[in-house]
Every structure is written in structure tokens, then in C-alpha cells.
C-alpha atoms as a PDB file:
ATOM      1  CA  MET A   1     -43.236  -9.769 -30.682  1.00  0.00           C
ATOM      2  CA  LYS A   2     -42.198 -10.479 -27.259  1.00  0.00           C
ATOM      3  CA  ARG A   3     -43.951 -10.928 -24.193  1.00  0.00           C
ATOM      4  CA  VAL A   4     -43.130  -9.001 -21.431  1.00  0.00           C
ATOM      5  CA  ARG A   5     -43.608 -10.211 -17.807  1.00  0.00           C
ATOM      6  CA  TYR A   6     -43.830  -7.287 -15.247  1.00  0.00           C
ATOM      7  CA  PRO A   7     -43.460  -7.323 -11.542  1.00  0.00           C
ATOM      8  CA  ALA A   8     -46.609  -6.989  -9.076  1.00  0.00           C
ATOM      9  CA  GLU A   9     -45.278  -3.999  -7.908  1.00  0.00           C
ATOM     10  CA  PHE A  10     -44.578  -2.391 -11.287  1.00  0.00           C
ATOM     11  CA  LYS A  11     -48.406  -3.288 -12.122  1.00  0.00           C
ATOM     12  CA  ALA A  12     -49.415  -2.084  -8.525  1.00  0.00           C
ATOM     13  CA  GLU A  13     -48.043   1.407  -9.215  1.00  0.00           C
ATOM     14  CA  ALA A  14     -49.122   1.707 -12.614  1.00  0.00           C
ATOM     15  CA  VAL A  15     -52.852   0.683 -11.511  1.00  0.00           C
ATOM     16  CA  ARG A  16     -52.592   3.511  -9.028  1.00  0.00           C
ATOM     17  CA  GLN A  17     -51.625   5.976 -10.835  1.00  0.00           C
ATOM     18  CA  VAL A  18     -54.714   5.586 -12.661  1.00  0.00           C
ATOM     19  CA  THR A  19     -56.947   5.084  -9.999  1.00  0.00           C
ATOM     20  CA  GLU A  20     -55.848   7.126  -7.114  1.00  0.00           C
ATOM     21  CA  ARG A  21     -54.062  10.037  -8.897  1.00  0.00           C
ATOM     22  CA  GLY A  22     -56.166  10.460 -11.508  1.00  0.00           C
ATOM     23  CA  HIS A  23     -54.157  10.251 -14.646  1.00  0.00           C
ATOM     24  CA  GLY A  24     -55.445   8.899 -17.918  1.00  0.00           C
ATOM     25  CA  VAL A  25     -54.526   5.346 -18.849  1.00  0.00           C
ATOM     26  CA  VAL A  26     -52.579   6.192 -22.225  1.00  0.00           C
ATOM     27  CA  ASN A  27     -50.273   8.849 -20.489  1.00  0.00           C
ATOM     28  CA  VAL A  28     -49.190   6.524 -17.769  1.00  0.00           C
ATOM     29  CA  ALA A  29     -48.989   3.547 -20.338  1.00  0.00           C
ATOM     30  CA  LYS A  30     -46.793   5.976 -22.559  1.00  0.00           C
ATOM     31  CA  ARG A  31     -44.691   7.258 -19.071  1.00  0.00           C
ATOM     32  CA  LEU A  32     -44.130   3.607 -18.390  1.00  0.00           C
ATOM     33  CA  GLY A  33     -43.175   2.412 -21.691  1.00  0.00           C
ATOM     34  CA  MET A  34     -46.022  -0.295 -22.026  1.00  0.00           C
ATOM     35  CA  SER A  35     -49.112  -1.088 -24.228  1.00  0.00           C
ATOM     36  CA  ASP A  36     -52.399   0.724 -22.785  1.00  0.00           C
ATOM     37  CA  LYS A  37     -54.007  -2.587 -23.530  1.00  0.00           C
ATOM     38  CA  SER A  38     -51.958  -4.079 -20.888  1.00  0.00           C
ATOM     39  CA  LEU A  39     -53.003  -1.417 -18.320  1.00  0.00           C
ATOM     40  CA  TYR A  40     -56.581  -1.360 -19.244  1.00  0.00           C
ATOM     41  CA  LEU A  41     -56.871  -4.732 -18.356  1.00  0.00           C
ATOM     42  CA  TRP A  42     -54.769  -4.368 -15.119  1.00  0.00           C
ATOM     43  CA  VAL A  43     -57.193  -1.364 -14.039  1.00  0.00           C
ATOM     44  CA  ARG A  44     -60.408  -3.728 -14.817  1.00  0.00           C
ATOM     45  CA  LEU A  45     -58.667  -6.837 -12.830  1.00  0.00           C
ATOM     46  CA  ALA A  46     -57.893  -4.492  -9.820  1.00  0.00           C
ATOM     47  CA  GLN A  47     -61.274  -2.901  -9.824  1.00  0.00           C
ATOM     48  CA  ASP A  48     -63.472  -6.297  -9.930  1.00  0.00           C
ATOM     49  CA  ARG A  49     -61.056  -7.390  -7.269  1.00  0.00           C
ATOM     50  CA  ALA A  50     -61.863  -4.529  -5.238  1.00  0.00           C
ATOM     51  CA  GLY A  51     -65.604  -5.153  -5.711  1.00  0.00           C
ATOM     52  CA  PRO A  52     -68.144  -2.661  -6.962  1.00  0.00           C
ATOM     53  CA  GLY A  53     -67.658   0.997  -5.833  1.00  0.00           C
ATOM     54  CA  SER A  54     -65.234   0.267  -2.936  1.00  0.00           C
ATOM     55  CA  GLY A  55     -63.467   3.514  -3.562  1.00  0.00           C
ATOM     56  CA  GLU A  56     -66.828   5.697  -3.685  1.00  0.00           C
ATOM     57  CA  THR A  57     -68.006   3.719  -0.341  1.00  0.00           C
ATOM     58  CA  ALA A  58     -65.579   5.511   1.705  1.00  0.00           C
ATOM     59  CA  GLN A  59     -66.033   8.329   0.100  1.00  0.00           C
ATOM     60  CA  LEU A  60     -69.922   7.957   0.797  1.00  0.00           C
ATOM     61  CA  LYS A  61     -69.028   6.979   4.487  1.00  0.00           C
ATOM     62  CA  ALA A  62     -67.051   9.922   4.985  1.00  0.00           C
ATOM     63  CA  GLU A  63     -69.530  12.414   3.565  1.00  0.00           C
ATOM     64  CA  VAL A  64     -72.350  10.540   5.720  1.00  0.00           C
ATOM     65  CA  SER A  65     -70.277  11.255   8.945  1.00  0.00           C
ATOM     66  CA  ARG A  66     -69.443  14.677   7.870  1.00  0.00           C
ATOM     67  CA  LEU A  67     -73.514  15.305   7.297  1.00  0.00           C
ATOM     68  CA  LYS A  68     -74.285  13.562  10.406  1.00  0.00           C
ATOM     69  CA  ALA A  69     -71.730  16.187  12.282  1.00  0.00           C
ATOM     70  CA  ASP A  70     -73.170  18.894  10.626  1.00  0.00           C
ATOM     71  CA  LEU A  71     -76.710  18.058  11.919  1.00  0.00           C
ATOM     72  CA  LYS A  72     -76.079  17.652  15.298  1.00  0.00           C
ATOM     73  CA  ARG A  73     -74.354  20.707  15.174  1.00  0.00           C
ATOM     74  CA  ALA A  74     -77.484  22.235  13.665  1.00  0.00           C
ATOM     75  CA  ASN A  75     -79.853  20.639  15.771  1.00  0.00           C
ATOM     76  CA  GLU A  76     -78.099  22.058  18.691  1.00  0.00           C
ATOM     77  CA  GLU A  77     -78.008  25.629  17.339  1.00  0.00           C
ATOM     78  CA  ARG A  78     -81.962  25.165  16.963  1.00  0.00           C
ATOM     79  CA  ASP A  79     -82.355  24.176  20.444  1.00  0.00           C
ATOM     80  CA  ILE A  80     -80.410  26.858  21.669  1.00  0.00           C
ATOM     81  CA  LEU A  81     -82.518  29.607  19.761  1.00  0.00           C
ATOM     82  CA  LYS A  82     -85.421  27.724  20.826  1.00  0.00           C
ATOM     83  CA  LYS A  83     -84.771  28.445  24.121  1.00  0.00           C
ATOM     84  CA  ALA A  84     -83.775  32.136  23.925  1.00  0.00           C
ATOM     85  CA  ALA A  85     -86.930  32.810  21.669  1.00  0.00           C
ATOM     86  CA  THR A  86     -88.911  31.425  25.068  1.00  0.00           C
ATOM     87  CA  TYR A  87     -86.532  33.582  27.336  1.00  0.00           C
ATOM     88  CA  PHE A  88     -87.308  36.858  25.466  1.00  0.00           C
ATOM     89  CA  ALA A  89     -90.690  36.356  24.963  1.00  0.00           C
ATOM     90  CA  LYS A  90     -91.753  35.578  28.617  1.00  0.00           C
ATOM     91  CA  LEU A  91     -89.542  38.969  29.373  1.00  0.00           C
ATOM     92  CA  SER A  92     -91.693  40.866  26.721  1.00  0.00           C
ATOM     93  CA  GLY A  93     -94.868  39.786  27.376  1.00  0.00           C
END
């Protein structure tokens, strides 16, 4: 069997289809007319180069910043309600 050399751009796009777009390795390999074993290897190498959980890290950072914003808004609302409760307690008593 003849060994095929694929350009770096081809490899990167194939890996991107699996990692970022969520397509299955076997489906992408069939569509591109290549071995699924090669694509599995490329995906594993790309994940090793990226480091453990680098995609998850970005998602976690985004979630943390969203949660911090929600907490800040909730604290501001709580403070407003405390002031309102104090104001109405003075009026009625």
C-alpha cells in the first residue's frame, strides 16, 4: 500500500472538523478519503500539543466570568432590597 503525505493545512482542517465542529473521526475520514487511524493519530497529537484541557479551560474561564457578573448583579439587587426593606420598616413603625 502506498503511503500518502498530506499537507499540514489538510491535517489541521481535518482535526478542526473533529475537535471544534464535533464531527466523528470515522465520518470525517470517510469524507476526506483517508484512513481513520491516521486521523485518530492527528487528533491525539493535536490534543497533546495543546495541553491538557486547553479547550475546556477557555470554556471554564468564560463561565467563571459570566458567573461573576451574575453574582455582582445579584448582590446589587440584594442591597437595593435591603435598603427598601429598611425604608418601609421605618415608615410603618
